[in-house]
Amino acid sequence: MRGFLQPSLRNTPSDAQQQFSKLSRHRRAHLAEAAQTTLVKASQWARGGTVTPQIAEALGEQLKTYLAKAAKKAG
């Protein structure tokens, strides 16, 4: 009866995906637009859902760029 009360597979988001999901909706929308995708696909990626590798790579790059700018501005 494995998985009777809960699914046997779980999505495990990476650190970058967790950081992305912690951002405000406004910031996530801007990053998704810069990655040339929709906020829906970006949210799916942040939850560990299935998206194309090109979208995942573009979102990762945009997030890395944003975090570098935020760290430079704070420090």
Protein backbone atom coordinates (compact mmCIF):
# COMPACT_ATOMS: atom_id res chain seq x y z
CA MET A 1 0.00 0.00 0.00
CA ARG A 2 2.92 2.35 -0.62
CA GLY A 3 1.71 5.77 -1.57
CA PHE A 4 -1.81 5.23 -0.30
CA LEU A 5 -1.96 8.50 1.61
CA GLN A 6 0.79 10.41 -0.16
CA PRO A 7 2.57 10.23 -3.50
CA SER A 8 5.66 8.07 -3.73
CA LEU A 9 7.56 10.71 -5.76
CA ARG A 10 8.26 14.22 -4.58
CA ASN A 11 9.74 17.21 -6.34
CA THR A 12 12.94 18.40 -4.68
CA PRO A 13 13.74 21.94 -5.83
CA SER A 14 17.37 23.04 -5.97
CA ASP A 15 18.77 25.96 -3.96
CA ALA A 16 18.37 28.28 -6.95
CA GLN A 17 14.75 27.24 -7.37
CA GLN A 18 14.05 27.87 -3.68
CA GLN A 19 15.70 31.31 -3.88
CA PHE A 20 13.59 32.12 -6.93
CA SER A 21 10.37 31.15 -5.17
CA LYS A 22 11.23 33.40 -2.20
CA LEU A 23 11.35 36.49 -4.42
CA SER A 24 8.33 38.76 -4.78
CA ARG A 25 5.87 38.09 -7.57
CA HIS A 26 6.91 41.33 -9.26
CA ARG A 27 10.60 40.35 -9.29
CA ARG A 28 9.79 36.80 -10.50
CA ALA A 29 7.71 38.24 -13.35
CA HIS A 30 10.61 40.48 -14.43
CA LEU A 31 13.08 37.60 -14.30
CA ALA A 32 10.71 35.37 -16.28
CA GLU A 33 10.27 38.08 -18.90
CA ALA A 34 14.04 38.50 -19.17
CA ALA A 35 14.34 34.73 -19.63
CA GLN A 36 11.71 34.96 -22.39
CA THR A 37 9.17 32.75 -20.67
CA THR A 38 5.94 33.13 -18.71
CA LEU A 39 5.50 33.49 -14.98
CA VAL A 40 3.55 30.21 -14.98
CA LYS A 41 6.49 28.26 -16.42
CA ALA A 42 8.88 30.04 -14.07
CA SER A 43 6.71 29.07 -11.09
CA GLN A 44 6.61 25.46 -12.30
CA TRP A 45 10.40 25.49 -12.47
CA ALA A 46 10.64 26.97 -8.95
CA ARG A 47 8.48 24.14 -7.57
CA GLY A 48 10.71 21.55 -9.19
CA GLY A 49 8.23 20.85 -11.95
CA THR A 50 8.98 19.83 -15.51
CA VAL A 51 10.06 22.55 -17.93
CA THR A 52 12.29 22.44 -20.98
CA PRO A 53 16.04 22.58 -20.34
CA GLN A 54 16.34 25.86 -22.26
CA ILE A 55 13.83 27.57 -19.94
CA ALA A 56 15.48 26.14 -16.83
CA GLU A 57 18.91 27.32 -17.97
CA ALA A 58 17.63 30.80 -18.88
CA LEU A 59 15.89 31.20 -15.52
CA GLY A 60 18.99 30.02 -13.67
CA GLU A 61 21.16 32.54 -15.50
CA GLN A 62 18.73 35.40 -14.86
CA LEU A 63 18.51 34.49 -11.18
CA LYS A 64 22.30 34.33 -10.88
CA THR A 65 22.63 37.75 -12.51
CA TYR A 66 19.98 39.26 -10.23
CA LEU A 67 21.54 37.80 -7.07
CA ALA A 68 24.98 39.11 -8.07
CA LYS A 69 23.55 42.61 -8.58
CA ALA A 70 21.68 42.44 -5.25
CA ALA A 71 24.81 41.31 -3.41
CA LYS A 72 26.89 44.06 -5.02
CA LYS A 73 24.27 46.66 -4.10
CA ALA A 74 24.02 45.41 -0.48
CA GLY A 75 27.74 45.04 0.08
